[in-house]
C-alpha atoms as a PDB file:
ATOM      1  CA  MET A   1      90.879-107.986 -18.185  1.00  0.00           C
ATOM      2  CA  ALA A   2      92.779-105.129 -17.257  1.00  0.00           C
ATOM      3  CA  VAL A   3      95.931-106.193 -19.360  1.00  0.00           C
ATOM      4  CA  PHE A   4      93.689-106.373 -22.308  1.00  0.00           C
ATOM      5  CA  PHE A   5      92.197-102.716 -21.694  1.00  0.00           C
ATOM      6  CA  VAL A   6      95.772-101.480 -21.121  1.00  0.00           C
ATOM      7  CA  PHE A   7      96.637-103.027 -24.664  1.00  0.00           C
ATOM      8  CA  LEU A   8      93.851-101.660 -26.222  1.00  0.00           C
ATOM      9  CA  TRP A   9      94.330 -98.173 -24.726  1.00  0.00           C
ATOM     10  CA  LEU A  10      98.146 -98.318 -25.984  1.00  0.00           C
ATOM     11  CA  ILE A  11      96.880 -98.974 -29.578  1.00  0.00           C
ATOM     12  CA  PHE A  12      94.333 -96.211 -29.159  1.00  0.00           C
ATOM     13  CA  VAL A  13      97.209 -93.860 -28.310  1.00  0.00           C
ATOM     14  CA  ARG A  14      99.608 -94.951 -30.578  1.00  0.00           C
ATOM     15  CA  LYS A  15      96.787 -94.505 -33.500  1.00  0.00           C
ATOM     16  CA  ILE A  16      96.312 -90.823 -32.316  1.00  0.00           C
ATOM     17  CA  SER A  17     100.162 -90.253 -32.076  1.00  0.00           C
ATOM     18  CA  ILE A  18     100.344 -91.293 -35.521  1.00  0.00           C
ATOM     19  CA  PHE A  19      97.499 -89.155 -36.625  1.00  0.00           C
ATOM     20  CA  ALA A  20      98.789 -86.212 -34.744  1.00  0.00           C
ATOM     21  CA  ILE A  21     102.192 -86.503 -36.477  1.00  0.00           C
ATOM     22  CA  GLU A  22     100.675 -86.894 -39.752  1.00  0.00           C
ATOM     23  CA  THR A  23      98.537 -84.201 -39.274  1.00  0.00           C
ATOM     24  CA  THR A  24     101.417 -82.015 -38.370  1.00  0.00           C
ATOM     25  CA  LEU A  25     103.272 -83.038 -41.078  1.00  0.00           C
ATOM     26  CA  MET A  26     100.387 -82.141 -43.443  1.00  0.00           C
ATOM     27  CA  LYS A  27     100.039 -78.710 -42.152  1.00  0.00           C
ATOM     28  CA  LYS A  28     103.687 -78.193 -42.606  1.00  0.00           C
ATOM     29  CA  TYR A  29     103.542 -79.417 -46.553  1.00  0.00           C
ATOM     30  CA  LEU A  30     100.398 -77.301 -46.934  1.00  0.00           C
ATOM     31  CA  LYS A  31     102.125 -74.388 -45.433  1.00  0.00           C
ATOM     32  CA  LEU A  32     105.189 -75.283 -47.829  1.00  0.00           C
ATOM     33  CA  LEU A  33     102.942 -75.091 -50.894  1.00  0.00           C
ATOM     34  CA  ARG A  34     101.273 -71.918 -49.445  1.00  0.00           C
ATOM     35  CA  VAL A  35      97.902 -73.124 -50.073  1.00  0.00           C
ATOM     36  CA  GLU A  36      96.357 -70.178 -48.539  1.00  0.00           C
ATOM     37  CA  GLN A  37      97.711 -68.183 -51.757  1.00  0.00           C
ATOM     38  CA  TRP A  38      95.962 -70.410 -54.205  1.00  0.00           C
ATOM     39  CA  VAL A  39      92.903 -68.067 -53.699  1.00  0.00           C
ATOM     40  CA  LYS A  40      94.962 -66.281 -56.425  1.00  0.00           C
ATOM     41  CA  ASN A  41      94.280 -68.892 -58.998  1.00  0.00           C
ATOM     42  CA  LEU A  42      90.733 -68.334 -58.923  1.00  0.00           C
ATOM     43  CA  PHE A  43      91.541 -66.153 -61.740  1.00  0.00           C
ATOM     44  CA  VAL A  44      91.233 -69.167 -63.804  1.00  0.00           C
ATOM     45  CA  PHE A  45      87.773 -69.207 -63.442  1.00  0.00           C
ATOM     46  CA  VAL A  46      87.222 -65.353 -64.345  1.00  0.00           C
ATOM     47  CA  PRO A  47      86.395 -66.245 -68.284  1.00  0.00           C
ATOM     48  CA  LEU A  48      83.855 -68.613 -67.340  1.00  0.00           C
ATOM     49  CA  PHE A  49      81.931 -66.499 -64.801  1.00  0.00           C
ATOM     50  CA  PHE A  50      82.050 -63.284 -67.062  1.00  0.00           C
ATOM     51  CA  SER A  51      80.858 -65.242 -69.965  1.00  0.00           C
ATOM     52  CA  GLY A  52      77.841 -66.477 -68.099  1.00  0.00           C
ATOM     53  CA  ASN A  53      78.877 -70.055 -68.594  1.00  0.00           C
ATOM     54  CA  VAL A  54      78.931 -71.146 -64.944  1.00  0.00           C
ATOM     55  CA  LYS A  55      76.241 -73.802 -65.579  1.00  0.00           C
ATOM     56  CA  ASN A  56      78.003 -75.201 -68.363  1.00  0.00           C
ATOM     57  CA  LEU A  57      79.333 -78.458 -66.575  1.00  0.00           C
ATOM     58  CA  ASP A  58      81.894 -79.283 -69.517  1.00  0.00           C
ATOM     59  CA  LEU A  59      83.495 -75.743 -69.251  1.00  0.00           C
ATOM     60  CA  LEU A  60      83.288 -75.952 -65.550  1.00  0.00           C
ATOM     61  CA  SER A  61      85.042 -79.158 -65.435  1.00  0.00           C
ATOM     62  CA  LYS A  62      87.774 -77.757 -67.631  1.00  0.00           C
ATOM     63  CA  SER A  63      88.138 -74.732 -65.320  1.00  0.00           C
ATOM     64  CA  ILE A  64      88.696 -77.015 -62.471  1.00  0.00           C
ATOM     65  CA  PHE A  65      91.430 -78.599 -63.887  1.00  0.00           C
ATOM     66  CA  ALA A  66      93.174 -75.453 -64.753  1.00  0.00           C
ATOM     67  CA  PHE A  67      92.852 -74.365 -61.131  1.00  0.00           C
ATOM     68  CA  ILE A  68      94.354 -77.684 -60.019  1.00  0.00           C
ATOM     69  CA  ILE A  69      97.153 -77.547 -62.551  1.00  0.00           C
ATOM     70  CA  PHE A  70      97.745 -73.976 -62.064  1.00  0.00           C
ATOM     71  CA  SER A  71      97.709 -74.448 -58.003  1.00  0.00           C
ATOM     72  CA  LEU A  72     100.522 -77.155 -58.302  1.00  0.00           C
ATOM     73  CA  ALA A  73     102.514 -75.013 -60.711  1.00  0.00           C
ATOM     74  CA  ALA A  74     102.234 -72.369 -58.058  1.00  0.00           C
ATOM     75  CA  GLY A  75     103.345 -74.770 -55.326  1.00  0.00           C
ATOM     76  CA  VAL A  76     106.524 -75.565 -57.299  1.00  0.00           C
ATOM     77  CA  VAL A  77     107.355 -71.721 -57.555  1.00  0.00           C
ATOM     78  CA  TYR A  78     106.635 -71.358 -53.849  1.00  0.00           C
ATOM     79  CA  ILE A  79     109.018 -73.775 -52.768  1.00  0.00           C
ATOM     80  CA  LEU A  80     111.855 -73.066 -55.370  1.00  0.00           C
ATOM     81  CA  ASN A  81     111.329 -69.279 -54.061  1.00  0.00           C
ATOM     82  CA  ASP A  82     111.295 -70.596 -50.256  1.00  0.00           C
ATOM     83  CA  TYR A  83     114.414 -72.813 -50.916  1.00  0.00           C
ATOM     84  CA  ASN A  84     116.361 -69.972 -52.671  1.00  0.00           C
ATOM     85  CA  ASP A  85     115.387 -67.344 -49.998  1.00  0.00           C
ATOM     86  CA  ILE A  86     116.355 -69.893 -46.895  1.00  0.00           C
ATOM     87  CA  GLU A  87     118.944 -67.475 -45.415  1.00  0.00           C
ATOM     88  CA  ALA A  88     117.147 -64.289 -46.069  1.00  0.00           C
ATOM     89  CA  ASP A  89     113.833 -65.393 -44.828  1.00  0.00           C
ATOM     90  CA  GLN A  90     115.657 -66.591 -41.569  1.00  0.00           C
ATOM     91  CA  LYS A  91     116.050 -62.997 -40.846  1.00  0.00           C
ATOM     92  CA  HIS A  92     112.793 -61.497 -41.412  1.00  0.00           C
ATOM     93  CA  PRO A  93     110.473 -61.588 -38.804  1.00  0.00           C
ATOM     94  CA  GLU A  94     107.593 -63.371 -40.591  1.00  0.00           C
ATOM     95  CA  LYS A  95     109.021 -65.426 -42.904  1.00  0.00           C
ATOM     96  CA  ARG A  96     111.312 -66.963 -40.631  1.00  0.00           C
ATOM     97  CA  ARG A  97     108.245 -69.145 -39.834  1.00  0.00           C
ATOM     98  CA  ARG A  98     108.163 -70.718 -43.143  1.00  0.00           C
ATOM     99  CA  PRO A  99     108.905 -74.525 -43.031  1.00  0.00           C
ATOM    100  CA  LEU A 100     112.015 -74.424 -45.105  1.00  0.00           C
ATOM    101  CA  ALA A 101     113.711 -71.089 -43.196  1.00  0.00           C
ATOM    102  CA  SER A 102     112.256 -72.632 -39.818  1.00  0.00           C
ATOM    103  CA  GLY A 103     113.993 -76.219 -40.471  1.00  0.00           C
ATOM    104  CA  ALA A 104     110.257 -77.721 -39.985  1.00  0.00           C
ATOM    105  CA  VAL A 105     110.810 -79.283 -43.557  1.00  0.00           C
ATOM    106  CA  SER A 106     114.154 -80.502 -44.735  1.00  0.00           C
ATOM    107  CA  LYS A 107     115.739 -79.270 -48.001  1.00  0.00           C
ATOM    108  CA  LYS A 108     115.750 -82.862 -49.083  1.00  0.00           C
ATOM    109  CA  ARG A 109     112.140 -83.568 -48.394  1.00  0.00           C
ATOM    110  CA  ALA A 110     110.987 -80.184 -50.179  1.00  0.00           C
ATOM    111  CA  ILE A 111     112.902 -81.125 -53.254  1.00  0.00           C
ATOM    112  CA  SER A 112     111.242 -84.476 -53.299  1.00  0.00           C
ATOM    113  CA  ILE A 113     107.935 -82.891 -52.881  1.00  0.00           C
ATOM    114  CA  LEU A 114     108.989 -80.331 -55.963  1.00  0.00           C
ATOM    115  CA  ILE A 115     109.805 -83.179 -58.231  1.00  0.00           C
ATOM    116  CA  GLY A 116     106.510 -84.742 -57.281  1.00  0.00           C
ATOM    117  CA  LEU A 117     104.673 -81.971 -58.077  1.00  0.00           C
ATOM    118  CA  ILE A 118     105.942 -81.454 -61.391  1.00  0.00           C
ATOM    119  CA  ILE A 119     105.501 -85.345 -62.510  1.00  0.00           C
ATOM    120  CA  VAL A 120     101.959 -84.864 -61.230  1.00  0.00           C
ATOM    121  CA  ASP A 121     101.374 -81.399 -63.067  1.00  0.00           C
ATOM    122  CA  VAL A 122     102.629 -82.767 -66.560  1.00  0.00           C
ATOM    123  CA  ALA A 123     100.692 -85.871 -65.947  1.00  0.00           C
ATOM    124  CA  LEU A 124      97.311 -83.968 -65.373  1.00  0.00           C
ATOM    125  CA  ILE A 125      98.042 -81.814 -68.618  1.00  0.00           C
ATOM    126  CA  LEU A 126      98.216 -84.937 -70.958  1.00  0.00           C
ATOM    127  CA  PHE A 127      95.227 -86.278 -69.177  1.00  0.00           C
ATOM    128  CA  ALA A 128      93.530 -83.129 -69.814  1.00  0.00           C
ATOM    129  CA  GLN A 129      94.677 -83.383 -73.507  1.00  0.00           C
ATOM    130  CA  PHE A 130      93.118 -87.035 -73.628  1.00  0.00           C
ATOM    131  CA  TYR A 131      90.162 -86.189 -71.377  1.00  0.00           C
ATOM    132  CA  PHE A 132      88.756 -83.115 -73.082  1.00  0.00           C
ATOM    133  CA  HIS A 133      89.347 -84.629 -76.754  1.00  0.00           C
ATOM    134  CA  ARG A 134      90.850 -81.245 -78.106  1.00  0.00           C
ATOM    135  CA  PRO A 135      94.178 -79.422 -77.990  1.00  0.00           C
ATOM    136  CA  ILE A 136      95.344 -77.727 -75.014  1.00  0.00           C
ATOM    137  CA  TRP A 137      98.609 -76.620 -76.305  1.00  0.00           C
ATOM    138  CA  LYS A 138      98.159 -72.853 -75.875  1.00  0.00           C
ATOM    139  CA  PHE A 139      97.171 -73.708 -72.106  1.00  0.00           C
ATOM    140  CA  ALA A 140     100.085 -75.881 -71.873  1.00  0.00           C
ATOM    141  CA  PHE A 141     102.278 -73.119 -72.933  1.00  0.00           C
ATOM    142  CA  ILE A 142     100.839 -70.790 -70.648  1.00  0.00           C
ATOM    143  CA  ILE A 143     101.906 -72.971 -67.722  1.00  0.00           C
ATOM    144  CA  ALA A 144     105.056 -73.465 -68.945  1.00  0.00           C
ATOM    145  CA  PHE A 145     105.724 -69.884 -69.358  1.00  0.00           C
ATOM    146  CA  TYR A 146     104.285 -69.015 -65.990  1.00  0.00           C
ATOM    147  CA  PHE A 147     106.905 -71.719 -64.537  1.00  0.00           C
ATOM    148  CA  VAL A 148     110.200 -70.223 -66.524  1.00  0.00           C
ATOM    149  CA  MET A 149     108.965 -66.556 -65.773  1.00  0.00           C
ATOM    150  CA  ASN A 150     108.999 -67.418 -62.314  1.00  0.00           C
ATOM    151  CA  LEU A 151     112.212 -69.088 -62.124  1.00  0.00           C
ATOM    152  CA  ALA A 152     113.582 -65.834 -63.801  1.00  0.00           C
ATOM    153  CA  TYR A 153     111.978 -63.969 -60.657  1.00  0.00           C
ATOM    154  CA  THR A 154     113.089 -66.215 -58.332  1.00  0.00           C
ATOM    155  CA  PHE A 155     116.609 -66.353 -59.267  1.00  0.00           C
ATOM    156  CA  LYS A 156     116.960 -62.516 -60.485  1.00  0.00           C
ATOM    157  CA  LEU A 157     114.140 -60.528 -61.670  1.00  0.00           C
ATOM    158  CA  LYS A 158     112.715 -60.232 -58.073  1.00  0.00           C
ATOM    159  CA  HIS A 159     115.670 -58.221 -56.830  1.00  0.00           C
ATOM    160  CA  VAL A 160     114.931 -55.547 -59.794  1.00  0.00           C
ATOM    161  CA  PRO A 161     112.514 -52.583 -58.814  1.00  0.00           C
ATOM    162  CA  ILE A 162     109.226 -52.373 -60.934  1.00  0.00           C
ATOM    163  CA  VAL A 163     110.217 -55.485 -63.032  1.00  0.00           C
ATOM    164  CA  ASP A 164     109.287 -57.305 -60.028  1.00  0.00           C
ATOM    165  CA  ILE A 165     105.845 -56.091 -59.492  1.00  0.00           C
ATOM    166  CA  PHE A 166     105.297 -56.231 -63.213  1.00  0.00           C
ATOM    167  CA  ILE A 167     105.976 -60.009 -62.958  1.00  0.00           C
ATOM    168  CA  ILE A 168     103.663 -60.529 -60.431  1.00  0.00           C
ATOM    169  CA  ALA A 169     100.932 -58.621 -62.511  1.00  0.00           C
ATOM    170  CA  ILE A 170     101.664 -60.748 -65.674  1.00  0.00           C
ATOM    171  CA  GLY A 171     101.303 -63.838 -63.376  1.00  0.00           C
ATOM    172  CA  PHE A 172      97.537 -62.718 -62.891  1.00  0.00           C
ATOM    173  CA  VAL A 173      97.218 -62.270 -66.511  1.00  0.00           C
ATOM    174  CA  LEU A 174      98.528 -65.730 -67.323  1.00  0.00           C
ATOM    175  CA  ARG A 175      95.810 -67.090 -65.047  1.00  0.00           C
ATOM    176  CA  VAL A 176      93.106 -65.349 -66.719  1.00  0.00           C
ATOM    177  CA  GLN A 177      94.519 -66.272 -70.104  1.00  0.00           C
ATOM    178  CA  ALA A 178      94.959 -69.946 -69.206  1.00  0.00           C
ATOM    179  CA  GLY A 179      91.217 -70.060 -67.977  1.00  0.00           C
ATOM    180  CA  GLY A 180      90.326 -68.550 -71.137  1.00  0.00           C
ATOM    181  CA  TYR A 181      92.490 -71.196 -73.189  1.00  0.00           C
ATOM    182  CA  ILE A 182      91.241 -74.423 -71.535  1.00  0.00           C
ATOM    183  CA  THR A 183      87.602 -73.548 -72.218  1.00  0.00           C
ATOM    184  CA  GLY A 184      88.075 -71.652 -75.436  1.00  0.00           C
ATOM    185  CA  ILE A 185      86.337 -68.422 -74.188  1.00  0.00           C
ATOM    186  CA  PHE A 186      87.408 -65.309 -75.580  1.00  0.00           C
ATOM    187  CA  ILE A 187      88.940 -62.480 -73.167  1.00  0.00           C
ATOM    188  CA  SER A 188      88.573 -59.104 -74.081  1.00  0.00           C
ATOM    189  CA  GLN A 189      91.261 -56.592 -74.265  1.00  0.00           C
ATOM    190  CA  TRP A 190      89.599 -54.649 -71.067  1.00  0.00           C
ATOM    191  CA  ALA A 191      89.319 -57.711 -68.910  1.00  0.00           C
ATOM    192  CA  THR A 192      93.165 -58.425 -69.593  1.00  0.00           C
ATOM    193  CA  LEU A 193      93.984 -55.008 -69.016  1.00  0.00           C
ATOM    194  CA  LEU A 194      91.573 -54.971 -65.376  1.00  0.00           C
ATOM    195  CA  THR A 195      93.299 -57.787 -64.580  1.00  0.00           C
ATOM    196  CA  PHE A 196      96.861 -56.373 -64.915  1.00  0.00           C
ATOM    197  CA  VAL A 197      96.307 -53.275 -63.328  1.00  0.00           C
ATOM    198  CA  LEU A 198      94.086 -54.875 -60.216  1.00  0.00           C
ATOM    199  CA  ALA A 199      97.372 -57.472 -59.769  1.00  0.00           C
ATOM    200  CA  LEU A 200      99.562 -54.252 -59.672  1.00  0.00           C
ATOM    201  CA  VAL A 201      97.610 -52.965 -56.922  1.00  0.00           C
ATOM    202  CA  LEU A 202      98.129 -55.984 -55.090  1.00  0.00           C
ATOM    203  CA  ALA A 203     101.990 -56.032 -55.635  1.00  0.00           C
ATOM    204  CA  ILE A 204     102.550 -52.646 -54.963  1.00  0.00           C
ATOM    205  CA  GLY A 205     100.411 -52.871 -51.761  1.00  0.00           C
ATOM    206  CA  LYS A 206     102.559 -55.914 -50.479  1.00  0.00           C
ATOM    207  CA  ARG A 207     105.984 -53.849 -51.403  1.00  0.00           C
ATOM    208  CA  ARG A 208     104.459 -50.926 -49.524  1.00  0.00           C
ATOM    209  CA  GLY A 209     104.013 -53.160 -46.422  1.00  0.00           C
ATOM    210  CA  GLU A 210     107.498 -54.487 -46.794  1.00  0.00           C
ATOM    211  CA  LEU A 211     108.804 -50.895 -46.813  1.00  0.00           C
ATOM    212  CA  ILE A 212     106.960 -50.110 -43.488  1.00  0.00           C
ATOM    213  CA  ASN A 213     108.307 -53.204 -42.005  1.00  0.00           C
ATOM    214  CA  ALA A 214     111.809 -52.449 -43.138  1.00  0.00           C
ATOM    215  CA  GLN A 215     111.571 -49.245 -41.269  1.00  0.00           C
ATOM    216  CA  VAL A 216     111.487 -51.356 -38.138  1.00  0.00           C
ATOM    217  CA  SER A 217     113.440 -54.296 -38.664  1.00  0.00           C
ATOM    218  CA  GLY A 218     115.645 -53.468 -41.821  1.00  0.00           C
ATOM    219  CA  LYS A 219     115.316 -54.130 -45.379  1.00  0.00           C
ATOM    220  CA  THR A 220     114.811 -57.680 -46.391  1.00  0.00           C
ATOM    221  CA  ARG A 221     114.692 -57.478 -50.364  1.00  0.00           C
ATOM    222  CA  LYS A 222     117.276 -55.680 -52.461  1.00  0.00           C
ATOM    223  CA  ALA A 223     114.597 -54.707 -55.135  1.00  0.00           C
ATOM    224  CA  LEU A 224     113.150 -52.560 -51.891  1.00  0.00           C
ATOM    225  CA  ASP A 225     116.348 -50.283 -52.660  1.00  0.00           C
ATOM    226  CA  GLY A 226     114.387 -49.002 -55.576  1.00  0.00           C
ATOM    227  CA  TYR A 227     111.088 -48.306 -53.769  1.00  0.00           C
ATOM    228  CA  ASN A 228     110.122 -45.766 -50.816  1.00  0.00           C
ATOM    229  CA  VAL A 229     106.639 -45.273 -49.159  1.00  0.00           C
ATOM    230  CA  GLN A 230     105.912 -41.875 -51.025  1.00  0.00           C
ATOM    231  CA  PHE A 231     106.738 -43.806 -54.353  1.00  0.00           C
ATOM    232  CA  ALA A 232     104.683 -46.689 -53.394  1.00  0.00           C
ATOM    233  CA  ASP A 233     101.545 -44.642 -52.238  1.00  0.00           C
ATOM    234  CA  ILE A 234     101.843 -42.624 -55.690  1.00  0.00           C
ATOM    235  CA  ALA A 235     102.052 -45.739 -57.675  1.00  0.00           C
ATOM    236  CA  LEU A 236      99.393 -47.443 -55.776  1.00  0.00           C
ATOM    237  CA  SER A 237      97.080 -44.404 -56.553  1.00  0.00           C
ATOM    238  CA  ILE A 238      97.717 -44.525 -60.117  1.00  0.00           C
ATOM    239  CA  SER A 239      96.974 -47.916 -60.383  1.00  0.00           C
ATOM    240  CA  VAL A 240      93.700 -47.723 -58.039  1.00  0.00           C
ATOM    241  CA  THR A 241      92.646 -45.190 -60.708  1.00  0.00           C
ATOM    242  CA  LEU A 242      93.633 -47.208 -63.566  1.00  0.00           C
ATOM    243  CA  ALA A 243      91.593 -50.266 -62.468  1.00  0.00           C
ATOM    244  CA  ILE A 244      88.688 -48.338 -61.749  1.00  0.00           C
ATOM    245  CA  ILE A 245      88.740 -46.894 -65.321  1.00  0.00           C
ATOM    246  CA  CYS A 246      89.596 -50.473 -66.946  1.00  0.00           C
ATOM    247  CA  TYR A 247      86.583 -51.775 -64.822  1.00  0.00           C
ATOM    248  CA  LEU A 248      84.023 -49.054 -66.295  1.00  0.00           C
ATOM    249  CA  MET A 249      85.600 -49.720 -69.944  1.00  0.00           C
ATOM    250  CA  PHE A 250      84.868 -53.517 -69.285  1.00  0.00           C
ATOM    251  CA  THR A 251      81.410 -53.153 -68.171  1.00  0.00           C
ATOM    252  CA  LEU A 252      80.616 -51.031 -70.997  1.00  0.00           C
ATOM    253  CA  SER A 253      82.271 -52.979 -73.700  1.00  0.00           C
ATOM    254  CA  PRO A 254      80.059 -54.433 -76.293  1.00  0.00           C
ATOM    255  CA  GLU A 255      80.580 -57.926 -75.564  1.00  0.00           C
ATOM    256  CA  VAL A 256      79.594 -57.532 -71.875  1.00  0.00           C
ATOM    257  CA  GLN A 257      76.672 -55.424 -72.397  1.00  0.00           C
ATOM    258  CA  GLN A 258      75.268 -57.990 -75.175  1.00  0.00           C
ATOM    259  CA  LYS A 259      75.614 -60.804 -72.351  1.00  0.00           C
ATOM    260  CA  SER A 260      74.678 -58.994 -69.483  1.00  0.00           C
ATOM    261  CA  HIS A 261      71.939 -56.151 -68.301  1.00  0.00           C
ATOM    262  CA  SER A 262      72.508 -52.792 -69.430  1.00  0.00           C
ATOM    263  CA  SER A 263      72.910 -51.682 -65.614  1.00  0.00           C
ATOM    264  CA  ILE A 264      75.972 -53.961 -64.972  1.00  0.00           C
ATOM    265  CA  PHE A 265      78.041 -50.621 -64.962  1.00  0.00           C
ATOM    266  CA  TYR A 266      76.497 -49.829 -61.945  1.00  0.00           C
ATOM    267  CA  THR A 267      78.383 -52.379 -59.982  1.00  0.00           C
ATOM    268  CA  VAL A 268      81.322 -50.152 -60.025  1.00  0.00           C
ATOM    269  CA  ILE A 269      79.877 -48.772 -56.923  1.00  0.00           C
ATOM    270  CA  PHE A 270      80.909 -51.836 -55.235  1.00  0.00           C
ATOM    271  CA  VAL A 271      84.555 -52.105 -56.958  1.00  0.00           C
ATOM    272  CA  VAL A 272      85.145 -48.430 -55.591  1.00  0.00           C
ATOM    273  CA  PHE A 273      84.326 -49.269 -52.146  1.00  0.00           C
ATOM    274  CA  ALA A 274      86.440 -52.258 -52.186  1.00  0.00           C
ATOM    275  CA  PHE A 275      89.293 -50.211 -53.224  1.00  0.00           C
ATOM    276  CA  LEU A 276      88.741 -47.290 -51.192  1.00  0.00           C
ATOM    277  CA  ARG A 277      88.802 -49.535 -48.082  1.00  0.00           C
ATOM    278  CA  TYR A 278      91.739 -51.438 -49.036  1.00  0.00           C
ATOM    279  CA  LEU A 279      93.469 -47.845 -49.577  1.00  0.00           C
ATOM    280  CA  GLN A 280      92.136 -47.199 -46.073  1.00  0.00           C
ATOM    281  CA  GLN A 281      93.700 -50.013 -44.524  1.00  0.00           C
ATOM    282  CA  THR A 282      97.004 -49.305 -46.163  1.00  0.00           C
ATOM    283  CA  LEU A 283      97.430 -45.584 -46.297  1.00  0.00           C
ATOM    284  CA  VAL A 284      95.638 -44.913 -43.011  1.00  0.00           C
ATOM    285  CA  TYR A 285      96.006 -47.742 -40.614  1.00  0.00           C
ATOM    286  CA  ASN A 286      99.223 -48.539 -42.198  1.00  0.00           C
ATOM    287  CA  ARG A 287      98.436 -52.259 -42.232  1.00  0.00           C
ATOM    288  CA  THR A 288     101.434 -54.068 -43.631  1.00  0.00           C
ATOM    289  CA  GLU A 289      99.893 -57.555 -44.059  1.00  0.00           C
ATOM    290  CA  SER A 290      99.724 -58.781 -47.721  1.00  0.00           C
ATOM    291  CA  PRO A 291      96.688 -57.971 -49.734  1.00  0.00           C
ATOM    292  CA  THR A 292      95.699 -61.645 -49.323  1.00  0.00           C
ATOM    293  CA  LYS A 293      95.917 -61.649 -45.612  1.00  0.00           C
ATOM    294  CA  ILE A 294      93.606 -58.370 -45.758  1.00  0.00           C
ATOM    295  CA  LEU A 295      90.933 -59.921 -47.959  1.00  0.00           C
ATOM    296  CA  TYR A 296      90.576 -62.848 -45.612  1.00  0.00           C
ATOM    297  CA  ARG A 297      90.535 -60.778 -42.632  1.00  0.00           C
ATOM    298  CA  ASP A 298      88.718 -57.623 -43.535  1.00  0.00           C
ATOM    299  CA  ARG A 299      84.830 -58.230 -43.238  1.00  0.00           C
ATOM    300  CA  TYR A 300      83.844 -55.046 -45.247  1.00  0.00           C
ATOM    301  CA  ILE A 301      85.906 -56.127 -48.148  1.00  0.00           C
ATOM    302  CA  GLN A 302      84.334 -59.469 -47.936  1.00  0.00           C
ATOM    303  CA  ILE A 303      80.828 -58.108 -47.701  1.00  0.00           C
ATOM    304  CA  THR A 304      81.437 -55.977 -50.897  1.00  0.00           C
ATOM    305  CA  LEU A 305      82.864 -58.830 -52.652  1.00  0.00           C
ATOM    306  CA  VAL A 306      79.798 -61.186 -52.035  1.00  0.00           C
ATOM    307  CA  LEU A 307      77.574 -58.275 -53.119  1.00  0.00           C
ATOM    308  CA  TRP A 308      79.342 -57.681 -56.124  1.00  0.00           C
ATOM    309  CA  VAL A 309      79.219 -61.500 -56.958  1.00  0.00           C
ATOM    310  CA  ILE A 310      75.695 -61.540 -56.185  1.00  0.00           C
ATOM    311  CA  SER A 311      74.864 -58.426 -58.317  1.00  0.00           C
ATOM    312  CA  PHE A 312      76.992 -59.712 -61.531  1.00  0.00           C
ATOM    313  CA  LEU A 313      75.280 -62.956 -61.237  1.00  0.00           C
ATOM    314  CA  ILE A 314      71.819 -61.650 -60.994  1.00  0.00           C
ATOM    315  CA  LEU A 315      72.612 -59.131 -63.934  1.00  0.00           C
ATOM    316  CA  ILE A 316      74.537 -61.841 -66.073  1.00  0.00           C
ATOM    317  CA  TYR A 317      72.569 -64.996 -65.466  1.00  0.00           C
ATOM    318  CA  PHE A 318      69.011 -63.509 -64.651  1.00  0.00           C
ATOM    319  CA  LYS A 319      69.439 -60.984 -67.544  1.00  0.00           C
ATOM    320  CA  HIS A 320      65.975 -62.156 -69.275  1.00  0.00           C
ATOM    321  CA  SER A 321      63.981 -61.911 -65.943  1.00  0.00           C
ATOM    322  CA  ILE A 322      65.058 -58.615 -65.125  1.00  0.00           C
ATOM    323  CA  LEU A 323      64.034 -57.559 -68.802  1.00  0.00           C
ATOM    324  CA  ASN A 324      60.335 -59.311 -68.652  1.00  0.00           C
ATOM    325  CA  PHE A 325      60.150 -57.599 -64.908  1.00  0.00           C
ATOM    326  CA  ASN A 326      60.849 -54.297 -66.487  1.00  0.00           C
ATOM    327  CA  LEU A 327      58.275 -54.869 -69.107  1.00  0.00           C
ATOM    328  CA  LEU A 328      55.547 -55.424 -66.694  1.00  0.00           C
END
């Protein structure tokens, strides 16, 4: 009997060990794909949200498809970028922990995953073409352009000052355009400009953080030779100002006023607060984290974003209820 229980215990331990190994490997692969950065791909839902069509299940399913396809494409780009930067990342205080730089994932395995992601992405695009019964060649072109642009960024353009941050900003615009093309929802010029300058704020903030770190550990990017902290501060202030102006113009545009309550421009209060909080974290406290990490950790910005989303939901999706209430 004792032998039997020992045998069962060994099987249990083996299963636990296999599960632990598989879990560890999965964590490494997810880290390789930078899944935490996929929050950027939520921009594909922007056309759906602002058009007041979130409750449209057909359009929602198309946006979800766009999110998945864009996330896999981004995963391919991240693997290529890390593969190309292994030596540079190994010298960086934080990036040296990345799976390829640390050796946690081999080059051969990374290439295998990359090829697999490309195959799955292409298959999903073909499936979407068949499933949605409408041509999505514009959406496919956006994905292809995003991939080619980031190839150029990975191997050359990320070392060219100003061009590098513009490519990052264009990447966000492509996400919004992809969401618009796959759903057939019109995207206004102000929405496009707002996305661009907002992404520019994030890109400049990231470069500023790298500059602060470089003062301690040495520069880790060739493109940083074309920046300094003073330039980054000025560029950040200009971009934030443009973002607020674009947001105001967006909320006052005829198509937005028609689809929502006329008071929607008051939501700029949340936008201004969020930007000021971000500037405070960046300029006053010298937080050198990427904007994405600040978003994950800063409770003030998180609460502001939640309030902004709730107010937008009310003003767009409950417009008629508000109007009826005002008439009472």
